[in-house]
Amino acid sequence: MSISMSAQRIQPSATLAISAQAKAMTAEGIQVINFSAGEPDFNTPDCVIEAAHQAAQSGQTGYTPVSGTLSLRQTIARRIDEDWSLTYTPDEIIVSNGAKQSCSLALLALINPEDEVIIPAPYWVSYPEMVGLANGIPIVIQTTPEHGWQLTAQQLNDAITPRTKMIILNSPSNPTGRHYTPDTLKALADVLLQHPNIIILSDDIYDRIYWGNTPLAHLLTVCPELKTRTLMINGVSKAYAMTGWRIGYTAGPQPIIAAMSRIQSHSTGCPCSISQAASEAAFNQAAPDVHTMLTHFKRRAEITHTRINSMPYLKLNEISGTFYAWIDATHLIQARGLNDDITLCQVLLKHAHIALVPGSAFGSPGYLRLSFALSDDELNQGLDQLAHYIESTAEH
């Protein structure tokens, strides 16, 4: 049996692998604090669950249009207008089975073999694999804490070649928990305006989970001229605690949206009808629930920031959004005489019974991603176990 070359090139998800190991240890009766989860620890809001129940009871259980119901696409258009003062018609919006599928469809619709896609690192683990599946070439550009983990205009300009087709931006960022400032976005926009053939994929899935000192900016709010070649990708998974409902969406130029719809029609077909009805309720009714979750995430970020920076060998910059902490563990790796961040995560899982994701999975070795999407008690217990490991003089 011969497996395709495309499938052979795909690397397993490190986040899912670590989570699976943690669950296996838990099944053996070992209590593990799972800092690897990429989803909120809250239940889906009641208003969303009730809307799903009503949709099922009223017979909304058949196929919908491939690109999603007109009502949901109109709701999404209103949300974008309210949030960013940007106007989209329903024909410029496609609803898919999660924002992950939205990203994948966009790449499949746009990338030809050997096209280059610029990806700032640290990056979400799936970006390079999606580019590879579309037969493109991921061009990874390493950002730094000195620049707030933001791609600089100079880095972007230096990375562009005649084969550059797309750039992917993610703000607030998984895994860094940082966001792009208006000044940085304006500088990037100035570069992109000089290259009219480059498409921008803006992954905005964490835009509701933000607590920075200034309003969150978007590339299209600082440079509306780029709207004709920018794809805004978002969904309900993170902000509304709906990871299992699988609803994402893309807003962008109609020809690209139409191409994505054609691909979706021959792959997954329409998104779940019940989930679409539930997502409308999320957008229209769940703002209080989002505010409550945001309050908890902000407090947990502050706890994590204070406690990590009190531990020797570790460093954590300020967190402005998401539910992730991006921890510099290079000194800890050296102090313990370990090979790399992957080995450190294995050691921490085995001896400290905490599950974190190695920075290598996000294109930045030497770091750890910690998700604080868990209760305060679990968070503090896990941080206690991390501190105990670090302070211990035992050899592991």
Protein backbone atom coordinates (compact mmCIF):
# COMPACT_ATOMS: atom_id res chain seq x y z
CA MET A 1 0.00 0.00 0.00
CA SER A 2 1.39 3.39 -1.02
CA ILE A 3 0.58 6.53 1.01
CA SER A 4 0.56 9.79 -0.93
CA MET A 5 3.59 12.05 -0.70
CA SER A 6 1.38 14.86 0.60
CA ALA A 7 0.20 12.72 3.50
CA GLN A 8 3.71 11.53 4.24
CA ARG A 9 4.92 15.13 4.54
CA ILE A 10 2.41 16.00 7.25
CA GLN A 11 3.81 16.11 10.78
CA PRO A 12 1.55 14.97 13.65
CA SER A 13 0.14 17.77 15.78
CA ALA A 14 2.41 18.21 18.81
CA THR A 15 -0.40 19.75 20.84
CA LEU A 16 -2.67 16.77 20.24
CA ALA A 17 0.19 14.34 20.93
CA ILE A 18 1.01 15.89 24.30
CA SER A 19 -2.66 16.05 25.23
CA ALA A 20 -3.06 12.36 24.32
CA GLN A 21 -0.09 11.41 26.52
CA ALA A 22 -1.55 13.38 29.41
CA LYS A 23 -4.93 11.69 29.00
CA ALA A 24 -3.26 8.27 28.88
CA MET A 25 -1.49 8.98 32.19
CA THR A 26 -4.76 10.18 33.69
CA ALA A 27 -6.43 6.94 32.59
CA GLU A 28 -3.72 5.09 34.52
CA GLY A 29 -4.68 6.97 37.66
CA ILE A 30 -1.93 9.59 37.53
CA GLN A 31 -3.16 13.12 38.16
CA VAL A 32 -1.84 15.33 35.38
CA ILE A 33 -2.36 19.08 35.09
CA ASN A 34 -2.99 19.59 31.38
CA PHE A 35 -1.51 22.91 30.26
CA SER A 36 -1.62 21.79 26.62
CA ALA A 37 -5.32 22.32 25.91
CA GLY A 38 -6.20 24.69 23.08
CA GLU A 39 -9.79 25.32 24.08
CA PRO A 40 -11.70 27.21 26.79
CA ASP A 41 -12.55 25.32 29.95
CA PHE A 42 -16.05 26.84 30.08
CA ASN A 43 -19.24 25.23 28.85
CA THR A 44 -21.01 26.62 25.80
CA PRO A 45 -23.36 29.47 26.82
CA ASP A 46 -26.91 28.41 27.69
CA CYS A 47 -28.44 30.67 25.05
CA VAL A 48 -26.44 28.85 22.39
CA ILE A 49 -27.45 25.42 23.61
CA GLU A 50 -31.11 26.50 23.73
CA ALA A 51 -30.91 27.84 20.17
CA ALA A 52 -29.48 24.51 19.01
CA HIS A 53 -32.28 22.66 20.78
CA GLN A 54 -34.91 24.85 19.17
CA ALA A 55 -33.32 24.44 15.74
CA ALA A 56 -33.38 20.66 16.05
CA GLN A 57 -36.94 20.62 17.36
CA SER A 58 -38.16 22.88 14.54
CA GLY A 59 -36.69 20.65 11.85
CA GLN A 60 -33.57 22.60 10.88
CA THR A 61 -31.76 19.31 10.35
CA GLY A 62 -31.22 19.20 6.59
CA TYR A 63 -28.59 20.50 4.24
CA THR A 64 -28.05 24.24 4.11
CA PRO A 65 -26.41 26.18 1.27
CA VAL A 66 -22.80 25.09 0.94
CA SER A 67 -21.50 28.47 2.08
CA GLY A 68 -23.84 28.60 5.10
CA THR A 69 -27.32 29.94 5.73
CA LEU A 70 -28.10 33.41 4.49
CA SER A 71 -29.20 34.40 7.99
CA LEU A 72 -25.87 33.42 9.56
CA ARG A 73 -23.84 35.12 6.83
CA GLN A 74 -25.88 38.30 7.32
CA THR A 75 -25.25 38.08 11.06
CA ILE A 76 -21.52 37.67 10.47
CA ALA A 77 -21.53 40.67 8.13
CA ARG A 78 -23.22 42.78 10.82
CA ARG A 79 -20.69 41.63 13.41
CA ILE A 80 -17.75 42.60 11.18
CA ASP A 81 -19.34 45.99 10.52
CA GLU A 82 -19.92 46.59 14.25
CA ASP A 83 -16.41 45.49 15.22
CA TRP A 84 -14.30 46.90 12.39
CA SER A 85 -16.54 49.24 10.35
CA LEU A 86 -15.97 47.04 7.30
CA THR A 87 -18.77 46.17 4.88
CA TYR A 88 -19.27 42.70 3.42
CA THR A 89 -22.19 41.17 1.54
CA PRO A 90 -23.33 37.60 2.22
CA ASP A 91 -21.74 36.57 -1.09
CA GLU A 92 -18.39 37.66 0.31
CA ILE A 93 -18.69 35.30 3.30
CA ILE A 94 -18.40 31.53 3.55
CA VAL A 95 -19.15 29.51 6.67
CA SER A 96 -17.07 26.36 7.12
CA ASN A 97 -16.50 23.53 9.59
CA GLY A 98 -14.29 25.55 11.93
CA ALA A 99 -11.70 28.26 11.31
CA LYS A 100 -9.13 25.53 10.68
CA GLN A 101 -11.06 24.44 7.60
CA SER A 102 -11.46 28.10 6.62
CA CYS A 103 -7.67 28.51 6.58
CA SER A 104 -7.20 25.27 4.67
CA LEU A 105 -9.82 26.18 2.05
CA ALA A 106 -8.24 29.58 1.52
CA LEU A 107 -4.86 28.00 0.82
CA LEU A 108 -6.32 25.34 -1.47
CA ALA A 109 -8.18 28.03 -3.40
CA LEU A 110 -5.16 30.29 -3.88
CA ILE A 111 -1.85 28.42 -3.69
CA ASN A 112 -0.22 26.84 -6.73
CA PRO A 113 2.78 24.50 -6.58
CA GLU A 114 5.94 26.33 -5.50
CA ASP A 115 4.02 29.44 -4.36
CA GLU A 116 5.55 30.87 -1.20
CA VAL A 117 3.55 31.71 1.93
CA ILE A 118 5.20 33.90 4.57
CA ILE A 119 4.53 32.66 8.11
CA PRO A 120 5.84 34.60 11.13
CA ALA A 121 7.12 32.35 13.91
CA PRO A 122 6.10 31.45 16.52
CA TYR A 123 3.12 30.21 14.50
CA TRP A 124 0.08 28.05 15.04
CA VAL A 125 1.23 24.48 14.41
CA SER A 126 -1.09 23.84 11.45
CA TYR A 127 -0.09 26.74 9.20
CA PRO A 128 3.01 25.13 7.61
CA GLU A 129 1.26 21.78 7.21
CA MET A 130 -1.71 23.42 5.47
CA VAL A 131 0.62 25.25 3.10
CA GLY A 132 2.35 21.96 2.32
CA LEU A 133 -0.96 20.23 1.62
CA ALA A 134 -1.71 22.99 -0.89
CA ASN A 135 1.71 22.25 -2.48
CA GLY A 136 3.02 25.63 -1.43
CA ILE A 137 6.28 26.47 0.32
CA PRO A 138 6.11 27.87 3.87
CA ILE A 139 8.60 30.70 4.39
CA VAL A 140 9.07 30.93 8.16
CA ILE A 141 10.34 34.23 9.56
CA GLN A 142 11.41 34.21 13.22
CA THR A 143 10.10 37.12 15.29
CA THR A 144 11.58 38.20 18.62
CA PRO A 145 10.39 39.25 22.08
CA GLU A 146 12.19 42.56 21.60
CA HIS A 147 9.63 43.41 18.91
CA GLY A 148 6.71 41.95 20.84
CA TRP A 149 6.71 38.80 18.69
CA GLN A 150 5.59 40.92 15.74
CA LEU A 151 6.89 40.58 12.21
CA THR A 152 8.68 43.80 11.30
CA ALA A 153 8.30 45.66 8.03
CA GLN A 154 11.97 45.07 7.26
CA GLN A 155 11.62 41.33 7.81
CA LEU A 156 8.58 41.22 5.55
CA ASN A 157 10.29 43.23 2.82
CA ASP A 158 13.36 40.99 2.96
CA ALA A 159 11.24 37.81 2.75
CA ILE A 160 9.24 38.78 -0.34
CA THR A 161 10.29 37.16 -3.62
CA PRO A 162 8.63 36.92 -7.05
CA ARG A 163 7.05 33.66 -5.84
CA THR A 164 5.44 35.14 -2.70
CA LYS A 165 1.67 34.56 -2.90
CA MET A 166 0.43 35.06 0.65
CA ILE A 167 1.25 36.15 4.17
CA ILE A 168 -0.49 34.78 7.28
CA LEU A 169 -1.04 37.07 10.27
CA ASN A 170 -2.54 35.96 13.58
CA SER A 171 -3.42 38.57 16.21
CA PRO A 172 -3.84 38.02 19.10
CA SER A 173 -1.43 35.17 18.60
CA ASN A 174 -1.43 31.50 19.40
CA PRO A 175 1.06 30.73 20.94
CA THR A 176 2.53 34.04 22.17
CA GLY A 177 -0.57 35.69 23.67
CA ARG A 178 0.60 38.96 22.08
CA HIS A 179 -1.03 41.22 19.50
CA TYR A 180 0.02 43.40 16.58
CA THR A 181 0.06 47.11 17.34
CA PRO A 182 -1.41 49.73 14.97
CA ASP A 183 2.07 51.08 14.19
CA THR A 184 3.40 47.65 13.23
CA LEU A 185 0.33 46.88 11.11
CA LYS A 186 0.67 50.22 9.33
CA ALA A 187 4.34 49.51 8.59
CA LEU A 188 3.48 46.04 7.25
CA ALA A 189 0.68 47.54 5.17
CA ASP A 190 3.07 50.03 3.61
CA VAL A 191 5.23 47.14 2.41
CA LEU A 192 2.25 45.13 1.16
CA LEU A 193 0.91 48.08 -0.83
CA GLN A 194 4.09 47.87 -2.90
CA HIS A 195 3.30 44.23 -3.79
CA PRO A 196 -0.25 44.12 -5.19
CA ASN A 197 -0.25 40.37 -5.91
CA ILE A 198 0.24 39.23 -2.32
CA ILE A 199 -2.87 37.94 -0.50
CA ILE A 200 -3.22 38.48 3.25
CA LEU A 201 -4.78 35.78 5.41
CA SER A 202 -5.74 37.37 8.72
CA ASP A 203 -6.53 34.73 11.35
CA ASP A 204 -8.62 36.63 13.90
CA ILE A 205 -9.95 33.70 15.93
CA TYR A 206 -8.82 35.22 19.27
CA ASP A 207 -9.99 38.80 18.63
CA ARG A 208 -12.65 38.58 21.34
CA ILE A 209 -10.11 37.32 23.91
CA TYR A 210 -8.10 40.50 24.30
CA TRP A 211 -7.49 42.85 27.24
CA GLY A 212 -4.66 45.11 26.08
CA ASN A 213 -4.38 48.72 27.20
CA THR A 214 -5.43 50.04 23.80
CA PRO A 215 -8.19 48.86 21.43
CA LEU A 216 -7.23 45.92 19.27
CA ALA A 217 -6.26 47.01 15.76
CA HIS A 218 -6.74 45.11 12.52
CA LEU A 219 -4.74 45.36 9.31
CA LEU A 220 -7.86 46.55 7.48
CA THR A 221 -8.62 49.27 10.01
CA VAL A 222 -5.18 50.81 9.52
CA CYS A 223 -5.16 50.20 5.76
CA PRO A 224 -8.62 49.66 4.22
CA GLU A 225 -7.03 49.68 0.76
CA LEU A 226 -5.93 46.08 1.36
CA LYS A 227 -9.52 44.83 1.71
CA THR A 228 -9.64 43.67 -1.92
CA ARG A 229 -6.94 41.06 -1.19
CA THR A 230 -7.41 40.24 2.48
CA LEU A 231 -9.23 37.24 3.93
CA MET A 232 -10.64 37.71 7.44
CA ILE A 233 -10.94 34.32 9.13
CA ASN A 234 -12.73 33.82 12.43
CA GLY A 235 -15.18 31.52 14.19
CA VAL A 236 -17.04 30.69 17.36
CA SER A 237 -14.73 28.08 18.89
CA LYS A 238 -12.54 30.18 21.18
CA ALA A 239 -14.57 33.25 22.16
CA TYR A 240 -17.84 31.38 22.70
CA ALA A 241 -16.47 28.09 24.08
CA MET A 242 -17.82 26.20 21.07
CA THR A 243 -14.80 24.18 19.91
CA GLY A 244 -16.87 21.06 19.26
CA TRP A 245 -19.57 22.86 17.26
CA ARG A 246 -17.17 23.41 14.33
CA ILE A 247 -18.16 26.75 12.84
CA GLY A 248 -15.67 29.11 11.24
CA TYR A 249 -16.02 31.71 8.54
CA THR A 250 -14.09 33.69 5.94
CA ALA A 251 -14.92 37.18 4.69
CA GLY A 252 -13.11 38.37 1.60
CA PRO A 253 -13.22 39.11 -2.12
CA GLN A 254 -16.16 37.36 -3.79
CA PRO A 255 -14.11 35.44 -6.42
CA ILE A 256 -11.98 33.87 -3.69
CA ILE A 257 -15.02 33.08 -1.54
CA ALA A 258 -16.70 31.45 -4.56
CA ALA A 259 -13.61 29.30 -5.17
CA MET A 260 -13.56 28.24 -1.53
CA SER A 261 -17.24 27.36 -1.76
CA ARG A 262 -16.62 25.13 -4.80
CA ILE A 263 -13.91 23.25 -2.92
CA GLN A 264 -16.10 22.93 0.16
CA SER A 265 -18.98 21.61 -1.95
CA HIS A 266 -16.86 18.66 -3.06
CA SER A 267 -15.18 17.96 0.29
CA THR A 268 -17.26 18.44 3.42
CA GLY A 269 -20.36 20.07 1.98
CA CYS A 270 -22.25 22.51 4.18
CA PRO A 271 -21.49 23.03 7.86
CA CYS A 272 -23.81 21.47 10.43
CA SER A 273 -27.23 23.14 10.27
CA ILE A 274 -27.74 22.95 14.05
CA SER A 275 -24.34 24.50 14.71
CA GLN A 276 -25.11 27.34 12.32
CA ALA A 277 -28.30 28.19 14.18
CA ALA A 278 -26.42 27.99 17.47
CA SER A 279 -23.71 30.31 16.16
CA GLU A 280 -26.28 32.96 15.30
CA ALA A 281 -27.34 32.91 18.95
CA ALA A 282 -23.72 33.18 20.02
CA PHE A 283 -23.18 36.31 17.95
CA ASN A 284 -26.49 37.87 18.96
CA GLN A 285 -26.91 36.88 22.61
CA ALA A 286 -23.72 35.58 24.22
CA ALA A 287 -21.80 38.84 24.81
CA PRO A 288 -22.26 38.61 28.63
CA ASP A 289 -20.83 35.08 28.60
CA VAL A 290 -17.83 36.23 26.56
CA HIS A 291 -17.23 39.06 29.05
CA THR A 292 -17.29 36.60 31.95
CA MET A 293 -14.79 34.28 30.27
CA LEU A 294 -12.58 37.24 29.36
CA THR A 295 -12.49 38.34 33.00
CA HIS A 296 -11.35 34.88 34.08
CA PHE A 297 -8.72 34.62 31.35
CA LYS A 298 -7.27 38.03 32.20
CA ARG A 299 -6.97 37.12 35.89
CA ARG A 300 -5.35 33.80 35.06
CA ALA A 301 -2.92 35.54 32.72
CA GLU A 302 -1.88 37.84 35.55
CA ILE A 303 -1.45 34.90 37.94
CA THR A 304 0.62 32.99 35.39
CA HIS A 305 2.77 36.01 34.52
CA THR A 306 3.56 36.75 38.17
CA ARG A 307 4.28 33.19 39.16
CA ILE A 308 6.36 32.19 36.12
CA ASN A 309 8.58 35.26 36.51
CA SER A 310 9.14 34.38 40.17
CA MET A 311 10.69 31.05 39.15
CA PRO A 312 14.40 30.76 38.36
CA TYR A 313 15.44 30.00 34.77
CA LEU A 314 12.07 31.04 33.25
CA LYS A 315 10.90 34.27 31.65
CA LEU A 316 7.44 35.32 30.50
CA ASN A 317 6.58 38.57 28.74
CA GLU A 318 3.28 40.34 29.29
CA ILE A 319 0.19 38.61 27.89
CA SER A 320 -2.45 40.74 26.14
CA GLY A 321 -4.87 38.11 24.84
CA THR A 322 -5.75 34.46 24.11
CA PHE A 323 -5.35 31.95 26.95
CA TYR A 324 -1.71 31.10 26.32
CA ALA A 325 1.58 31.93 28.01
CA TRP A 326 4.76 31.77 25.90
CA ILE A 327 7.55 30.91 28.29
CA ASP A 328 11.27 31.28 27.60
CA ALA A 329 12.78 28.05 28.99
CA THR A 330 16.20 28.21 27.36
CA HIS A 331 18.01 28.72 30.68
CA LEU A 332 16.08 25.89 32.34
CA ILE A 333 16.97 23.53 29.50
CA GLN A 334 20.64 24.42 29.91
CA ALA A 335 20.53 24.22 33.71
CA ARG A 336 19.06 20.73 33.59
CA GLY A 337 21.45 19.58 30.88
CA LEU A 338 18.60 18.62 28.56
CA ASN A 339 18.80 18.36 24.80
CA ASP A 340 15.90 20.61 23.90
CA ASP A 341 12.39 21.85 24.71
CA ILE A 342 10.86 18.57 23.56
CA THR A 343 12.90 16.66 26.12
CA LEU A 344 11.98 19.22 28.79
CA CYS A 345 8.26 18.68 28.11
CA GLN A 346 8.73 14.93 28.38
CA VAL A 347 10.58 15.33 31.68
CA LEU A 348 7.94 17.69 33.07
CA LEU A 349 5.17 15.31 32.11
CA LYS A 350 6.94 12.33 33.66
CA HIS A 351 8.26 13.91 36.86
CA ALA A 352 6.15 17.02 37.50
CA HIS A 353 2.95 15.59 36.02
CA ILE A 354 2.24 18.71 33.98
CA ALA A 355 1.64 18.76 30.23
CA LEU A 356 3.04 21.66 28.22
CA VAL A 357 3.73 21.99 24.50
CA PRO A 358 7.32 22.48 23.26
CA GLY A 359 8.10 25.66 21.40
CA SER A 360 9.63 23.63 18.57
CA ALA A 361 6.10 22.72 17.50
CA PHE A 362 5.47 26.42 16.87
CA GLY A 363 8.74 27.04 15.06
CA SER A 364 10.58 28.49 18.07
CA PRO A 365 12.77 26.01 19.98
CA GLY A 366 13.56 26.72 23.62
CA TYR A 367 10.10 27.89 24.56
CA LEU A 368 7.05 26.33 26.20
CA ARG A 369 3.40 27.06 25.54
CA LEU A 370 1.24 26.95 28.63
CA SER A 371 -2.54 27.13 28.30
CA PHE A 372 -4.25 28.65 31.35
CA ALA A 373 -7.68 27.54 30.14
CA LEU A 374 -8.35 25.64 33.37
CA SER A 375 -9.63 26.44 36.84
CA ASP A 376 -7.71 28.69 39.22
CA ASP A 377 -7.11 25.74 41.55
CA GLU A 378 -5.70 23.58 38.73
CA LEU A 379 -3.64 26.49 37.43
CA ASN A 380 -2.04 27.17 40.79
CA GLN A 381 -1.51 23.48 41.49
CA GLY A 382 0.21 23.00 38.14
CA LEU A 383 2.39 26.06 38.70
CA ASP A 384 3.28 24.70 42.15
CA GLN A 385 4.40 21.45 40.54
CA LEU A 386 6.46 23.33 37.96
CA ALA A 387 8.10 25.42 40.69
CA HIS A 388 8.84 22.31 42.75
CA TYR A 389 10.52 20.65 39.77
CA ILE A 390 12.67 23.70 39.09
CA GLU A 391 13.68 24.15 42.71
CA SER A 392 14.40 20.49 43.23
CA THR A 393 18.05 19.47 43.32
CA ALA A 394 17.24 15.92 42.28
CA GLU A 395 18.65 14.75 38.97
CA HIS A 396 16.04 13.70 36.43
